[in-house]
């Protein structure tokens, strides 16, 4: 087989071109930190990494939603614990007021404190976060309770008595607490109505009415305790899910790095070798081919 000058030139050009492409590829890997920068580099690995990155985006959204929900749960927890303390104090004062040894003045002072506690409950019921009422159910823009002629009534309509939910994966987690959950008894009375009756009974010394309303007060307290426990268990569940999602994201990220991440130390070393090889190829070619062709190549 006769080796012509053209064959030598074509082969030299091909090798130099391949070397320059390899050098460009290594330079891109060093710049981007990835060994796969486009699907054509490795369709299989690119497809897997693309799926995992898409999965991570979804999981990160879940994580952010969980963080936001858990911050709301802290407000519920604080408000319900405060209600728990207030209701215990109301019960304590009511029991004191039922004591026959209490004077009219004693009863008046107890009634005044009960009135103050009622106002405190009113403010808790209208607790807001970012302009939204946390006990408002589906009507977070409407104050859950209002005053009408000094009487405190539930303002949230019955159809809006819907607990807030957070969608996660294939489930929805119900986490909200509404004004109906903790300010209303099973029989339909409100905590404010019961308190108003108690205040009047304490002022008038009607111990029979006081004893009767103690049971309704216990019902309110039980509802508060039950919802406080529910909020705590939901927070624990969301914390567990948050950690699980974070672990999955970390694992996916590690797999993505294995699939497409470049070994920078190796890439830099390979680039140095490729540059050396290219210079050697150019020098060798210059000795074989006519000067005019080598000048063209350079």
Protein backbone atom coordinates (compact mmCIF):
# COMPACT_ATOMS: atom_id res chain seq x y z
CA UNK A 1 0.00 0.00 0.00
CA UNK A 2 1.41 3.34 -1.02
CA UNK A 3 1.30 6.04 1.69
CA UNK A 4 0.81 9.40 0.07
CA UNK A 5 1.50 12.86 1.38
CA UNK A 6 -2.24 13.49 1.42
CA UNK A 7 -2.89 10.47 3.63
CA UNK A 8 -0.26 11.66 6.10
CA UNK A 9 -1.75 15.14 6.12
CA UNK A 10 -5.33 13.90 6.62
CA UNK A 11 -4.30 11.57 9.44
CA UNK A 12 -2.31 14.31 11.15
CA UNK A 13 -5.22 16.74 10.87
CA UNK A 14 -7.63 14.13 12.26
CA UNK A 15 -5.44 13.42 15.29
CA UNK A 16 -4.87 17.10 16.01
CA UNK A 17 -8.60 17.82 15.66
CA UNK A 18 -9.49 14.97 18.06
CA UNK A 19 -6.93 16.22 20.53
CA UNK A 20 -8.32 19.75 20.38
CA UNK A 21 -11.89 18.44 20.85
CA UNK A 22 -10.78 16.40 23.84
CA UNK A 23 -9.05 19.44 25.29
CA UNK A 24 -12.23 21.49 24.79
CA UNK A 25 -14.29 18.76 26.47
CA UNK A 26 -11.96 18.62 29.48
CA UNK A 27 -11.94 22.40 29.74
CA UNK A 28 -15.76 22.41 29.78
CA UNK A 29 -15.80 19.76 32.50
CA UNK A 30 -13.48 21.87 34.65
CA UNK A 31 -15.56 25.00 34.05
CA UNK A 32 -18.97 23.40 34.75
CA UNK A 33 -17.86 20.77 37.24
CA UNK A 34 -19.77 18.17 35.19
CA UNK A 35 -18.54 15.34 33.03
CA UNK A 36 -21.92 15.21 31.25
CA UNK A 37 -23.01 18.63 30.02
CA UNK A 38 -25.57 17.59 27.40
CA UNK A 39 -27.72 14.48 26.83
CA UNK A 40 -25.62 13.43 23.84
CA UNK A 41 -22.58 13.00 26.13
CA UNK A 42 -24.26 9.98 27.76
CA UNK A 43 -28.04 9.63 27.14
CA UNK A 44 -28.55 7.00 29.84
CA UNK A 45 -26.80 8.88 32.64
CA UNK A 46 -28.22 12.20 31.51
CA UNK A 47 -31.76 10.75 31.66
CA UNK A 48 -31.26 9.34 35.15
CA UNK A 49 -29.77 12.56 36.48
CA UNK A 50 -32.55 14.63 34.89
CA UNK A 51 -35.20 12.47 36.61
CA UNK A 52 -33.44 12.72 39.98
CA UNK A 53 -33.04 16.51 39.68
CA UNK A 54 -36.76 16.82 38.86
CA UNK A 55 -37.55 14.62 41.84
CA UNK A 56 -35.39 16.80 44.09
CA UNK A 57 -37.23 19.93 42.98
CA UNK A 58 -40.55 18.37 44.02
CA UNK A 59 -39.15 17.15 47.33
CA UNK A 60 -37.61 20.55 48.09
CA UNK A 61 -41.04 22.12 47.55
CA UNK A 62 -42.51 19.63 50.04
CA UNK A 63 -39.74 20.47 52.51
CA UNK A 64 -40.43 24.21 52.22
CA UNK A 65 -44.18 23.62 52.64
CA UNK A 66 -43.53 21.49 55.72
CA UNK A 67 -41.34 24.19 57.24
CA UNK A 68 -44.07 26.76 56.66
CA UNK A 69 -46.74 24.49 58.14
CA UNK A 70 -44.62 23.69 61.19
CA UNK A 71 -44.20 27.40 61.86
CA UNK A 72 -48.01 27.73 61.86
CA UNK A 73 -48.25 24.74 64.20
CA UNK A 74 -46.01 26.60 66.67
CA UNK A 75 -48.60 29.39 66.76
CA UNK A 76 -51.36 26.83 67.35
CA UNK A 77 -49.32 25.20 70.10
CA UNK A 78 -48.67 28.53 71.83
CA UNK A 79 -52.30 29.64 71.55
CA UNK A 80 -53.70 26.32 72.77
CA UNK A 81 -51.30 26.15 75.70
CA UNK A 82 -52.36 29.67 76.64
CA UNK A 83 -56.00 28.62 76.38
CA UNK A 84 -55.28 25.58 78.52
CA UNK A 85 -53.81 27.82 81.24
CA UNK A 86 -56.71 30.27 81.02
CA UNK A 87 -59.34 27.52 81.19
CA UNK A 88 -57.65 25.99 84.23
CA UNK A 89 -57.70 29.41 85.87
CA UNK A 90 -61.37 29.88 84.97
CA UNK A 91 -62.21 26.55 86.54
CA UNK A 92 -60.19 27.38 89.63
CA UNK A 93 -61.96 30.73 90.05
CA UNK A 94 -65.36 29.13 89.44
CA UNK A 95 -64.77 26.54 92.16
CA UNK A 96 -63.70 29.33 94.52
CA UNK A 97 -66.80 31.34 93.70
CA UNK A 98 -69.04 28.35 94.54
CA UNK A 99 -67.73 28.44 98.12
CA UNK A 100 -70.51 29.68 100.40
CA UNK A 101 -67.98 31.53 102.53
CA UNK A 102 -67.20 34.01 99.73
CA UNK A 103 -68.47 37.52 100.32
CA UNK A 104 -70.17 39.71 97.73
CA UNK A 105 -66.93 41.63 97.33
CA UNK A 106 -64.99 38.38 96.82
CA UNK A 107 -67.43 37.32 94.13
CA UNK A 108 -67.16 40.70 92.44
CA UNK A 109 -63.38 40.42 92.23
CA UNK A 110 -63.66 36.88 90.83
CA UNK A 111 -66.18 38.09 88.26
CA UNK A 112 -63.83 40.89 87.20
CA UNK A 113 -60.97 38.43 86.66
CA UNK A 114 -63.27 36.11 84.71
CA UNK A 115 -64.19 39.08 82.51
CA UNK A 116 -60.51 39.75 81.85
CA UNK A 117 -59.92 36.08 81.00
CA UNK A 118 -62.85 36.22 78.57
CA UNK A 119 -61.21 39.17 76.81
CA UNK A 120 -57.96 37.23 76.66
CA UNK A 121 -59.72 34.28 75.02
CA UNK A 122 -61.32 36.71 72.56
CA UNK A 123 -57.86 37.91 71.47
CA UNK A 124 -56.53 34.36 71.18
CA UNK A 125 -59.47 33.35 68.99
CA UNK A 126 -58.54 36.17 66.61
CA UNK A 127 -54.84 35.30 66.46
CA UNK A 128 -53.33 36.26 63.09
CA UNK A 129 -50.23 35.26 61.13
CA UNK A 130 -49.39 37.44 58.18
CA UNK A 131 -52.86 38.95 58.21
CA UNK A 132 -54.60 35.54 58.27
CA UNK A 133 -56.71 34.28 61.17
CA UNK A 134 -55.35 30.87 62.20
CA UNK A 135 -58.68 29.73 63.73
CA UNK A 136 -60.72 30.93 60.75
CA UNK A 137 -60.96 27.61 58.92
CA UNK A 138 -61.58 28.25 55.22
CA UNK A 139 -62.21 31.96 55.94
CA UNK A 140 -58.77 33.11 57.07
CA UNK A 141 -59.62 36.68 56.04
CA UNK A 142 -62.58 36.88 58.46
CA UNK A 143 -62.17 37.33 62.22
CA UNK A 144 -63.36 34.05 63.84
CA UNK A 145 -65.13 35.87 66.69
CA UNK A 146 -66.73 39.30 66.97
CA UNK A 147 -68.52 41.35 69.59
CA UNK A 148 -72.21 42.18 69.32
CA UNK A 149 -73.63 44.29 72.15
CA UNK A 150 -70.78 43.13 74.44
CA UNK A 151 -71.55 39.49 73.63
CA UNK A 152 -68.79 37.54 71.87
CA UNK A 153 -70.08 35.33 69.07
CA UNK A 154 -68.46 32.99 66.54
CA UNK A 155 -68.25 34.87 63.27
CA UNK A 156 -66.87 32.08 61.07
CA UNK A 157 -69.76 30.50 59.10
CA UNK A 158 -70.37 26.80 59.63
CA UNK A 159 -69.54 25.98 56.00
CA UNK A 160 -66.07 27.48 56.56
CA UNK A 161 -65.39 25.13 59.47
CA UNK A 162 -62.72 23.33 57.44
CA UNK A 163 -59.28 22.47 58.77
CA UNK A 164 -56.26 23.49 56.71
CA UNK A 165 -54.38 20.71 54.92
CA UNK A 166 -50.93 20.29 53.39
CA UNK A 167 -50.49 18.03 50.31
CA UNK A 168 -47.48 15.70 50.55
CA UNK A 169 -46.73 12.96 48.03
CA UNK A 170 -49.97 11.01 47.63
CA UNK A 171 -51.57 12.17 50.89
CA UNK A 172 -53.00 15.30 52.48
CA UNK A 173 -52.12 16.02 56.10
CA UNK A 174 -54.82 17.87 58.04
CA UNK A 175 -53.16 20.24 60.49
CA UNK A 176 -55.51 23.19 61.05
CA UNK A 177 -57.51 24.02 64.16
CA UNK A 178 -60.73 26.01 63.80
CA UNK A 179 -62.69 28.17 66.20
CA UNK A 180 -65.29 25.39 66.35
CA UNK A 181 -62.67 22.89 67.53
CA UNK A 182 -61.72 24.71 70.72
CA UNK A 183 -64.27 27.44 71.43
CA UNK A 184 -67.43 25.37 71.13
CA UNK A 185 -68.77 22.44 73.15
CA UNK A 186 -70.16 19.22 71.72
CA UNK A 187 -73.66 20.51 72.49
CA UNK A 188 -73.07 23.70 70.47
CA UNK A 189 -72.41 26.22 73.24
CA UNK A 190 -69.50 28.62 72.95
CA UNK A 191 -66.78 29.17 75.54
CA UNK A 192 -67.75 32.83 75.58
CA UNK A 193 -71.42 32.12 76.27
CA UNK A 194 -70.48 29.78 79.12
CA UNK A 195 -68.13 32.38 80.56
CA UNK A 196 -70.77 35.10 80.36
CA UNK A 197 -73.20 32.91 82.30
CA UNK A 198 -70.53 32.08 84.86
CA UNK A 199 -69.73 35.76 85.38
CA UNK A 200 -73.42 36.53 85.97
CA UNK A 201 -73.81 33.51 88.27
CA UNK A 202 -70.73 34.47 90.29
CA UNK A 203 -71.96 38.06 90.69
CA UNK A 204 -75.43 36.88 91.77
CA UNK A 205 -74.15 34.01 93.95
CA UNK A 206 -76.11 31.39 92.01
CA UNK A 207 -74.09 28.31 92.99
CA UNK A 208 -76.46 25.88 91.27
CA UNK A 209 -75.84 27.55 87.91
CA UNK A 210 -72.10 27.65 88.60
CA UNK A 211 -72.02 23.90 89.27
CA UNK A 212 -74.04 23.26 86.11
CA UNK A 213 -71.65 25.25 83.91
CA UNK A 214 -68.56 23.54 85.34
CA UNK A 215 -69.41 20.50 83.19
CA UNK A 216 -69.63 22.62 80.03
CA UNK A 217 -66.32 24.25 81.00
CA UNK A 218 -64.74 20.78 81.28
CA UNK A 219 -65.95 20.01 77.76
CA UNK A 220 -64.16 23.11 76.42
CA UNK A 221 -60.99 22.21 78.32
CA UNK A 222 -61.09 18.64 77.00
CA UNK A 223 -61.40 19.96 73.42
CA UNK A 224 -58.39 22.23 73.96
CA UNK A 225 -56.35 19.36 75.40
CA UNK A 226 -57.31 17.03 72.55
CA UNK A 227 -56.36 19.57 69.88
CA UNK A 228 -53.13 20.44 71.67
CA UNK A 229 -52.19 16.75 71.58
CA UNK A 230 -53.22 16.53 67.91
CA UNK A 231 -51.07 19.53 66.98
CA UNK A 232 -48.10 17.96 68.75
CA UNK A 233 -48.51 14.62 66.99
CA UNK A 234 -48.88 16.31 63.57
CA UNK A 235 -45.74 18.35 64.18
CA UNK A 236 -43.84 15.17 65.08
CA UNK A 237 -45.09 13.46 61.92
CA UNK A 238 -44.15 16.43 59.71
CA UNK A 239 -40.72 16.64 61.32
CA UNK A 240 -40.18 12.96 60.51
CA UNK A 241 -41.33 13.48 56.90
CA UNK A 242 -39.13 16.55 56.54
CA UNK A 243 -36.07 14.58 57.63
CA UNK A 244 -36.99 11.71 55.32
CA UNK A 245 -37.37 14.03 52.32
CA UNK A 246 -34.07 15.74 53.16
CA UNK A 247 -32.33 12.37 53.30
CA UNK A 248 -33.79 11.39 49.92
CA UNK A 249 -32.65 14.71 48.42
CA UNK A 250 -29.13 14.16 49.83
CA UNK A 251 -29.02 10.62 48.43
CA UNK A 252 -30.31 11.76 45.04
CA UNK A 253 -27.76 14.56 44.95
CA UNK A 254 -24.99 12.09 45.69
CA UNK A 255 -26.18 9.82 42.87
CA UNK A 256 -26.41 12.80 40.48
CA UNK A 257 -22.85 13.78 41.34
CA UNK A 258 -21.71 10.22 40.67
CA UNK A 259 -23.55 10.21 37.34
CA UNK A 260 -22.58 13.59 35.94
CA UNK A 261 -20.10 15.16 38.33
CA UNK A 262 -16.55 15.62 37.06
CA UNK A 263 -13.46 14.52 38.95
CA UNK A 264 -11.78 17.93 38.78
CA UNK A 265 -8.36 16.66 39.86
CA UNK A 266 -8.40 14.02 37.14
CA UNK A 267 -9.85 16.43 34.57
CA UNK A 268 -7.10 19.00 35.22
CA UNK A 269 -4.45 16.28 35.01
CA UNK A 270 -5.95 14.93 31.76
CA UNK A 271 -6.10 18.44 30.31
CA UNK A 272 -2.43 18.99 31.06
CA UNK A 273 -1.56 15.67 29.39
CA UNK A 274 -3.76 16.49 26.41
CA UNK A 275 -2.09 19.86 25.96
CA UNK A 276 1.31 18.19 26.10
CA UNK A 277 0.19 15.54 23.61
CA UNK A 278 -1.17 18.22 21.27
CA UNK A 279 2.07 20.16 21.32
CA UNK A 280 4.00 16.97 20.63
CA UNK A 281 1.66 16.09 17.75
CA UNK A 282 2.10 19.53 16.22
CA UNK A 283 5.88 19.31 16.56
CA UNK A 284 6.03 15.81 15.03
CA UNK A 285 3.72 16.77 12.20
CA UNK A 286 5.87 19.78 11.47
CA UNK A 287 8.82 17.47 10.84
CA UNK A 288 6.86 15.24 8.47
CA UNK A 289 4.69 17.61 6.43
CA UNK A 290 5.79 20.50 4.23
CA UNK A 291 6.18 23.76 6.08
CA UNK A 292 3.26 25.37 4.27
CA UNK A 293 0.83 22.71 5.44
CA UNK A 294 2.03 22.90 9.04
CA UNK A 295 1.61 26.66 9.01
CA UNK A 296 -1.96 26.10 7.80
CA UNK A 297 -2.60 23.65 10.65
CA UNK A 298 -1.29 26.10 13.27
